[in-house]
Structures are given as structure tokens and as C-alpha cells.
N, C-alpha and C. Protein backbone atom coordinates (compact mmCIF):
# COMPACT_ATOMS: atom_id res chain seq x y z
N PRO A 1 16.45 0.06 0.18
CA PRO A 1 16.13 1.19 -0.80
C PRO A 1 14.25 0.71 -1.33
N ILE A 2 13.74 -0.36 -1.03
CA ILE A 2 12.14 0.34 -1.71
C ILE A 2 11.90 0.81 -0.74
N ILE A 3 11.84 1.01 0.42
CA ILE A 3 10.84 1.82 1.30
C ILE A 3 11.77 3.51 1.03
N SER A 4 12.88 3.87 0.71
CA SER A 4 12.75 5.02 0.22
C SER A 4 12.43 5.78 -0.73
N MET A 5 12.19 4.95 -1.93
CA MET A 5 11.49 4.52 -2.82
C MET A 5 10.27 4.91 -2.55
N TYR A 6 9.43 4.17 -2.19
CA TYR A 6 8.40 4.80 -1.39
C TYR A 6 8.46 5.97 -1.24
N THR A 7 8.93 6.65 -0.23
CA THR A 7 9.48 7.48 0.89
C THR A 7 8.91 9.07 -0.31
N GLN A 8 10.43 8.55 -1.26
CA GLN A 8 10.61 9.95 -2.70
C GLN A 8 9.41 10.26 -3.60
N ALA A 9 8.47 8.37 -3.74
CA ALA A 9 7.92 8.71 -4.93
C ALA A 9 6.32 9.42 -4.52
N PHE A 10 5.68 8.86 -4.16
CA PHE A 10 4.91 9.73 -3.23
C PHE A 10 4.33 10.67 -2.08
N SER A 11 3.77 11.19 -2.44
CA SER A 11 3.84 12.79 -1.26
C SER A 11 3.46 11.73 -0.20
N ASN A 12 2.45 11.20 0.34
CA ASN A 12 2.51 10.29 1.76
C ASN A 12 3.29 8.87 1.87
N GLY A 13 4.09 9.09 0.95
CA GLY A 13 5.05 7.59 0.90
C GLY A 13 5.21 7.59 2.74
N ASN A 14 5.59 7.98 3.49
CA ASN A 14 5.33 7.47 5.20
C ASN A 14 4.58 6.87 5.50
N GLU A 15 3.10 7.71 5.61
CA GLU A 15 2.19 7.56 6.05
C GLU A 15 1.87 5.83 5.05
N LEU A 16 1.70 5.74 3.84
CA LEU A 16 2.57 4.55 3.54
C LEU A 16 2.91 3.37 4.28
N VAL A 17 3.98 3.81 4.63
CA VAL A 17 4.84 2.21 4.81
C VAL A 17 4.62 2.51 6.43
N MET A 18 4.24 3.23 6.71
CA MET A 18 3.64 2.71 8.17
C MET A 18 2.63 2.08 8.20
N THR A 19 1.42 2.67 7.36
CA THR A 19 0.48 1.89 7.41
C THR A 19 0.42 -0.11 7.24
N ALA A 20 1.86 0.38 6.26
CA ALA A 20 1.95 -1.22 6.07
C ALA A 20 2.70 -1.60 6.54
N LEU A 21 3.74 -0.83 8.04
CA LEU A 21 4.21 -1.88 8.93
C LEU A 21 2.80 -2.47 10.24
N GLY A 22 2.00 -1.06 10.55
CA GLY A 22 1.49 -1.66 11.18
C GLY A 22 0.24 -2.61 10.96
N GLY A 23 0.29 -2.31 9.66
CA GLY A 23 -1.27 -3.87 9.16
C GLY A 23 -0.25 -4.62 9.33
N THR A 24 1.25 -5.19 9.07
CA THR A 24 2.12 -6.88 9.04
C THR A 24 2.16 -6.97 10.53
N GLY A 25 2.43 -5.96 10.99
CA GLY A 25 2.68 -6.08 12.95
C GLY A 25 0.79 -6.99 13.11
N VAL A 26 -0.47 -6.08 12.62
CA VAL A 26 -1.36 -6.60 13.43
C VAL A 26 -1.41 -7.92 12.93
N ILE A 27 -1.25 -8.86 11.81
CA ILE A 27 -1.27 -9.92 10.93
C ILE A 27 -0.89 -10.59 11.42
N PHE A 28 0.58 -10.30 11.87
CA PHE A 28 1.08 -10.92 12.59
C PHE A 28 1.50 -11.49 13.04
N LEU A 29 0.82 -10.49 14.89
CA LEU A 29 0.42 -10.84 15.76
C LEU A 29 -0.94 -11.89 16.40
N GLY A 30 -2.03 -11.03 14.83
CA GLY A 30 -2.81 -11.89 15.33
C GLY A 30 -2.94 -13.47 14.58
N LEU A 31 -2.59 -13.78 13.84
CA LEU A 31 -1.86 -15.11 12.68
C LEU A 31 -1.42 -15.67 14.28
N SER A 32 0.09 -15.64 14.59
CA SER A 32 0.39 -15.97 15.52
C SER A 32 -0.34 -16.19 17.27
N GLY A 33 -0.44 -15.37 17.46
CA GLY A 33 -2.49 -15.49 18.77
C GLY A 33 -3.05 -16.12 18.94
N TYR A 34 -3.56 -16.11 17.44
CA TYR A 34 -4.83 -17.69 17.30
C TYR A 34 -3.86 -18.91 17.38
N ALA A 35 -2.74 -18.66 16.42
CA ALA A 35 -1.60 -20.46 16.04
C ALA A 35 -1.41 -20.74 18.07
N LEU A 36 -1.21 -19.78 18.26
CA LEU A 36 -1.19 -19.90 20.14
C LEU A 36 -1.49 -20.27 20.47
N THR A 37 -3.07 -19.56 21.01
CA THR A 37 -3.56 -20.24 21.25
C THR A 37 -4.96 -21.63 21.67
N THR A 38 -4.90 -21.41 20.35
CA THR A 38 -5.83 -23.32 20.05
C THR A 38 -5.24 -23.74 19.89
N ARG A 39 -3.60 -23.83 19.72
CA ARG A 39 -3.13 -24.97 19.70
C ARG A 39 -2.90 -25.86 18.46
N LYS A 40 -3.87 -25.59 17.58
CA LYS A 40 -4.19 -26.31 16.42
C LYS A 40 -3.29 -26.23 15.71
N ASP A 41 -3.05 -27.81 14.71
CA ASP A 41 -1.86 -28.13 13.88
C ASP A 41 -2.34 -28.13 12.75
N PHE A 42 -1.54 -26.92 12.42
CA PHE A 42 -2.05 -26.33 11.07
C PHE A 42 -0.75 -27.03 9.82
N SER A 43 -0.42 -28.93 9.99
CA SER A 43 1.29 -29.06 9.10
C SER A 43 0.03 -29.05 8.08
N PHE A 44 -1.02 -29.82 7.55
CA PHE A 44 -2.25 -29.93 6.36
C PHE A 44 -2.17 -28.49 5.65
N MET A 45 -1.34 -27.21 5.64
CA MET A 45 -1.53 -26.71 5.26
C MET A 45 -0.11 -26.54 3.96
N SER A 46 0.37 -27.86 4.25
CA SER A 46 1.84 -27.49 3.89
C SER A 46 1.99 -27.54 1.98
N GLY A 47 1.06 -28.37 1.68
CA GLY A 47 1.18 -28.39 0.19
C GLY A 47 0.31 -27.45 -0.28
N PHE A 48 -0.66 -27.17 -0.12
CA PHE A 48 -1.16 -25.98 -0.76
C PHE A 48 -0.09 -24.71 -0.63
N LEU A 49 0.34 -24.48 0.83
CA LEU A 49 1.47 -23.17 0.54
C LEU A 49 2.67 -23.50 -0.32
N MET A 50 3.18 -24.54 -0.73
CA MET A 50 4.02 -24.54 -1.06
C MET A 50 3.96 -24.36 -3.02
N VAL A 51 2.09 -25.26 -3.44
CA VAL A 51 1.99 -24.86 -4.85
C VAL A 51 1.80 -23.52 -4.71
N GLY A 52 1.06 -22.72 -3.69
CA GLY A 52 0.46 -21.72 -4.35
C GLY A 52 2.02 -20.65 -4.26
N ILE A 53 3.14 -20.47 -3.24
CA ILE A 53 3.87 -19.94 -3.22
C ILE A 53 4.35 -20.21 -4.88
N LEU A 54 4.73 -20.96 -5.12
CA LEU A 54 4.63 -21.89 -6.77
C LEU A 54 4.25 -21.10 -8.03
N VAL A 55 2.77 -21.16 -7.95
CA VAL A 55 2.08 -20.39 -8.31
C VAL A 55 1.99 -18.73 -8.47
N ALA A 56 2.65 -18.63 -7.26
CA ALA A 56 2.76 -17.10 -7.14
C ALA A 56 3.90 -16.88 -8.33
N PHE A 57 4.98 -17.10 -7.79
CA PHE A 57 5.92 -16.62 -8.10
C PHE A 57 5.70 -16.76 -9.28
N LEU A 58 5.65 -18.02 -10.34
CA LEU A 58 5.10 -18.03 -11.48
C LEU A 58 4.60 -16.76 -12.53
N ALA A 59 3.59 -16.52 -11.47
CA ALA A 59 2.50 -15.24 -11.86
C ALA A 59 3.85 -13.89 -12.06
N GLY A 60 3.72 -13.78 -10.99
CA GLY A 60 5.11 -12.59 -10.62
C GLY A 60 6.25 -12.79 -11.95
N ILE A 61 6.16 -14.06 -12.00
CA ILE A 61 7.31 -13.76 -13.29
C ILE A 61 6.71 -13.30 -14.82
N GLY A 62 5.30 -13.58 -14.96
CA GLY A 62 4.77 -13.45 -15.99
C GLY A 62 4.82 -11.65 -15.61
N ALA A 63 4.62 -11.45 -14.72
CA ALA A 63 3.45 -10.26 -14.32
C ALA A 63 5.30 -9.70 -15.06
N VAL A 64 6.43 -9.42 -14.29
CA VAL A 64 7.35 -9.03 -14.82
C VAL A 64 7.81 -8.22 -16.58
N VAL A 65 7.27 -10.35 -17.43
CA VAL A 65 8.24 -10.19 -18.16
C VAL A 65 7.32 -9.81 -19.59
N PHE A 66 5.81 -9.63 -18.86
CA PHE A 66 4.72 -9.25 -19.80
C PHE A 66 4.16 -7.70 -19.70
N SER A 67 5.00 -6.92 -18.19
CA SER A 67 4.19 -6.14 -18.22
C SER A 67 2.97 -5.92 -17.42
N ILE A 68 2.35 -6.37 -17.13
CA ILE A 68 1.02 -6.99 -16.71
C ILE A 68 0.63 -6.33 -15.38
N PRO A 69 0.24 -4.98 -15.27
CA PRO A 69 -0.05 -4.22 -13.91
C PRO A 69 -0.58 -4.66 -12.57
N ALA A 70 -2.11 -5.59 -13.34
CA ALA A 70 -2.89 -5.99 -13.40
C ALA A 70 -2.68 -7.36 -12.48
N LEU A 71 -1.90 -8.09 -12.97
CA LEU A 71 -1.24 -9.76 -12.97
C LEU A 71 -0.19 -8.96 -11.70
N SER A 72 -0.34 -7.75 -11.77
CA SER A 72 1.80 -7.37 -10.75
C SER A 72 0.33 -7.71 -9.11
N LEU A 73 -0.53 -6.82 -9.57
CA LEU A 73 -1.62 -6.66 -8.39
C LEU A 73 -2.52 -7.79 -7.74
N ALA A 74 -2.30 -8.49 -8.54
CA ALA A 74 -3.60 -10.12 -8.32
C ALA A 74 -2.08 -11.07 -7.12
N VAL A 75 -0.79 -10.76 -8.08
CA VAL A 75 0.15 -11.72 -6.93
C VAL A 75 0.80 -10.71 -5.61
N SER A 76 0.35 -9.28 -6.03
CA SER A 76 0.90 -8.86 -3.93
C SER A 76 -0.26 -9.57 -3.51
N ALA A 77 -1.60 -9.67 -3.78
CA ALA A 77 -2.93 -10.51 -2.89
C ALA A 77 -2.31 -11.89 -3.14
N MET A 78 -2.47 -12.33 -3.60
CA MET A 78 -1.61 -13.99 -3.38
C MET A 78 -0.66 -13.72 -2.21
N PHE A 79 0.30 -13.35 -2.92
CA PHE A 79 1.48 -13.17 -1.05
C PHE A 79 0.79 -13.31 0.21
N ILE A 80 -0.36 -11.90 0.02
CA ILE A 80 -0.50 -11.85 1.26
C ILE A 80 -1.41 -12.39 1.74
N LEU A 81 -2.20 -13.54 0.99
CA LEU A 81 -2.96 -15.19 1.52
C LEU A 81 -1.64 -15.97 1.65
N LEU A 82 -1.08 -16.10 0.83
CA LEU A 82 -0.15 -17.50 1.35
C LEU A 82 0.87 -16.87 2.16
N MET A 83 1.29 -15.76 2.75
CA MET A 83 1.98 -15.54 3.79
C MET A 83 1.23 -15.50 4.85
N SER A 84 -0.24 -15.04 4.55
CA SER A 84 -0.61 -15.08 6.27
C SER A 84 -0.83 -16.71 6.80
N GLY A 85 -1.49 -16.91 5.17
CA GLY A 85 -0.96 -18.94 5.79
C GLY A 85 0.38 -19.53 6.35
N MET A 86 1.30 -18.51 5.51
CA MET A 86 2.68 -18.86 6.54
C MET A 86 3.39 -19.01 6.92
N ILE A 87 2.62 -18.11 8.09
CA ILE A 87 2.94 -17.57 9.62
C ILE A 87 2.16 -18.21 10.22
N LEU A 88 0.70 -18.54 10.68
CA LEU A 88 0.05 -19.68 11.08
C LEU A 88 1.39 -21.10 10.40
N PHE A 89 1.34 -21.68 9.91
CA PHE A 89 1.84 -23.04 9.56
C PHE A 89 3.59 -23.15 10.15
N GLN A 90 4.22 -22.56 10.26
CA GLN A 90 5.74 -21.78 10.30
C GLN A 90 5.62 -21.83 12.55
N THR A 91 4.18 -20.80 12.96
CA THR A 91 4.01 -20.97 14.46
C THR A 91 4.02 -22.60 15.11
N SER A 92 2.59 -22.90 14.20
CA SER A 92 2.33 -24.36 14.53
C SER A 92 3.05 -25.15 15.24
N GLU A 93 4.21 -25.16 13.60
CA GLU A 93 5.56 -25.93 13.65
C GLU A 93 6.68 -25.44 14.54
N ILE A 94 6.29 -24.30 14.86
CA ILE A 94 7.61 -24.06 16.48
C ILE A 94 6.24 -24.72 17.91
N ILE A 95 5.67 -24.27 17.64
CA ILE A 95 4.71 -25.25 18.73
C ILE A 95 4.98 -26.37 18.89
N HIS A 96 4.29 -26.86 18.02
CA HIS A 96 3.96 -27.91 18.39
C HIS A 96 5.71 -29.53 18.37
N GLY A 97 6.61 -28.56 17.84
CA GLY A 97 7.63 -28.97 17.54
C GLY A 97 8.98 -29.98 16.53
N GLY A 98 7.30 -29.79 15.36
CA GLY A 98 8.12 -30.01 13.77
C GLY A 98 9.34 -29.26 14.13
N GLU A 99 9.20 -27.66 14.35
CA GLU A 99 10.91 -27.35 13.88
C GLU A 99 11.64 -27.37 14.73
N THR A 100 12.61 -27.99 14.86
CA THR A 100 13.06 -27.92 16.03
C THR A 100 14.60 -27.26 16.13
N ASN A 101 14.70 -26.50 14.58
CA ASN A 101 16.12 -25.33 14.15
C ASN A 101 15.66 -23.95 14.61
N TYR A 102 16.07 -23.42 15.37
CA TYR A 102 15.45 -22.77 15.71
C TYR A 102 16.06 -21.33 14.97
N ILE A 103 17.48 -21.46 14.73
CA ILE A 103 17.79 -20.57 13.37
C ILE A 103 16.71 -20.31 11.99
N LEU A 104 16.93 -21.52 12.67
CA LEU A 104 16.18 -21.81 10.86
C LEU A 104 14.45 -21.51 10.64
N ALA A 105 13.36 -21.78 11.86
CA ALA A 105 12.45 -21.37 12.34
C ALA A 105 12.04 -19.38 12.75
N THR A 106 13.48 -18.98 13.34
CA THR A 106 13.49 -17.43 13.32
C THR A 106 13.51 -16.58 11.27
N VAL A 107 14.47 -17.72 10.38
CA VAL A 107 14.79 -16.47 9.17
C VAL A 107 13.07 -16.04 8.46
N SER A 108 12.07 -17.81 9.15
CA SER A 108 11.77 -18.02 7.78
C SER A 108 9.96 -17.06 8.10
N LEU A 109 10.14 -17.58 8.92
CA LEU A 109 9.13 -15.91 9.89
C LEU A 109 9.54 -14.78 9.44
N TYR A 110 10.56 -14.65 9.72
CA TYR A 110 11.43 -13.60 9.24
C TYR A 110 11.21 -13.31 8.35
N VAL A 111 11.23 -13.97 6.89
CA VAL A 111 11.48 -13.55 5.67
C VAL A 111 9.16 -13.88 5.23
N SER A 112 8.86 -14.89 6.13
CA SER A 112 7.08 -14.54 5.87
C SER A 112 6.69 -13.45 6.24
N ILE A 113 7.38 -12.60 6.85
CA ILE A 113 6.78 -10.74 7.35
C ILE A 113 6.89 -10.23 6.26
N TYR A 114 8.72 -10.32 5.57
CA TYR A 114 8.56 -9.09 5.22
C TYR A 114 8.85 -9.10 3.65
N ASN A 115 8.07 -10.66 3.32
CA ASN A 115 7.28 -10.33 2.22
C ASN A 115 5.78 -9.65 2.57
N LEU A 116 4.67 -10.15 3.30
CA LEU A 116 3.46 -9.85 4.33
C LEU A 116 3.74 -8.37 3.94
N PHE A 117 5.27 -7.75 4.12
CA PHE A 117 5.16 -6.67 3.78
C PHE A 117 5.08 -5.95 3.00
N LEU A 118 6.04 -5.88 2.30
CA LEU A 118 6.43 -5.91 0.96
C LEU A 118 5.15 -6.00 -0.17
N SER A 119 4.50 -7.26 -0.07
CA SER A 119 3.09 -7.44 -0.46
C SER A 119 1.53 -5.97 -0.08
N LEU A 120 1.40 -5.67 0.61
CA LEU A 120 0.96 -4.80 1.82
C LEU A 120 1.41 -3.65 1.46
N LEU A 121 2.83 -3.24 1.35
CA LEU A 121 2.99 -1.30 0.48
C LEU A 121 2.74 -1.54 -1.07
N GLN A 122 2.61 -2.51 -1.80
CA GLN A 122 3.03 -2.12 -2.80
C GLN A 122 1.52 -2.23 -3.13
N ILE A 123 0.02 -2.85 -2.40
CA ILE A 123 -0.90 -2.83 -2.75
C ILE A 123 -1.43 -0.99 -2.38
N LEU A 124 -0.72 -1.16 -0.81
CA LEU A 124 -1.04 0.69 -0.95
C LEU A 124 -0.35 1.95 -1.40
N GLY A 125 0.37 1.43 -1.59
CA GLY A 125 1.38 1.84 -2.83
C GLY A 125 0.16 2.46 -4.18
N VAL A 126 -0.29 1.38 -4.78
CA VAL A 126 -0.72 1.43 -6.12
C VAL A 126 -2.77 2.09 -5.51
N PHE A 127 -3.15 1.84 -4.35
CA PHE A 127 -4.76 2.19 -3.93
C PHE A 127 -4.28 4.09 -3.53
N GLY A 128 -2.86 4.27 -2.47
CA GLY A 128 -3.21 5.32 -1.56
C GLY A 128 -2.74 5.93 -1.61
N GLY A 129 -1.31 5.23 -3.03
CA GLY A 129 -0.31 6.71 -2.80
C GLY A 129 -1.05 7.98 -3.94
N GLU A 130 -0.25 9.36 -3.14
CA GLU A 130 -0.18 10.27 -4.01
C GLU A 130 0.62 10.88 -3.87
N ASP A 131 0.38 11.38 -5.83
CA ASP A 131 2.17 11.79 -6.83
C ASP A 131 2.53 13.03 -6.28
């Protein structure tokens, strides 16, 4: 439903979706590759990410309730940064054995990638969408 909304609402909707998909892939592969090659432990990011996601979630609710488009855009930018950090953190947890449940690891990575894609798509729709 979300993707079809972008493809129907904008004349360049297909380009927006493909750009967001490509950007998501590049970010995911780059960050996962970095975590795999450096073998650095990113577990120190857990507290920051938890608080950041909570703040972004509350700001998102505020953007919807008070109908503030700029805040919605800021929340999307926050989610891009936070989901990038989550990808680093989760990949690091998988590498270092902190996450032994592979189903939970897969689902959490999927959710991070999905949120990253939607946030990129929203920002691209605002700045690059043609009616």
C-alpha cells in the first residue's frame, strides 16, 4: 500500500521507490560490511539507540497529532540515522555471539532495513517528488 501510494501520487514515483531501495541496499551493505571487516564491538551503542528510538517515536506521534510536516521530516532523518546505528549494532551482535536466536536476529535486521527504506522514501518524496 505504501509503495503504490508513492507510485500513484508522484509522476516519478517509480524512480523514488527505486532510489530509496538502492539507497537502502547501499547503506545496509556498507554498514554490514564495515561491521564484518572491522570486527569492532558496537554493543556500546545500545543505550543511545534505545533512547534515540524512544525520542524519535514520541516526536513522530507529536508530528501526527499536531500536524507538523517539518517535524515529520526531522523524524524521518532521525530514523535514518538510528536505523543505520541499529544495523551496525545488530550485525555486531550477530558476529560476536550476543544474539544466538537467529530468527530474532533476522526479524530485527529486517525491521531496521524496512524502517530505513520507509524513512528514505519519505524524505525522497518530500524533496524529489513531482506531482
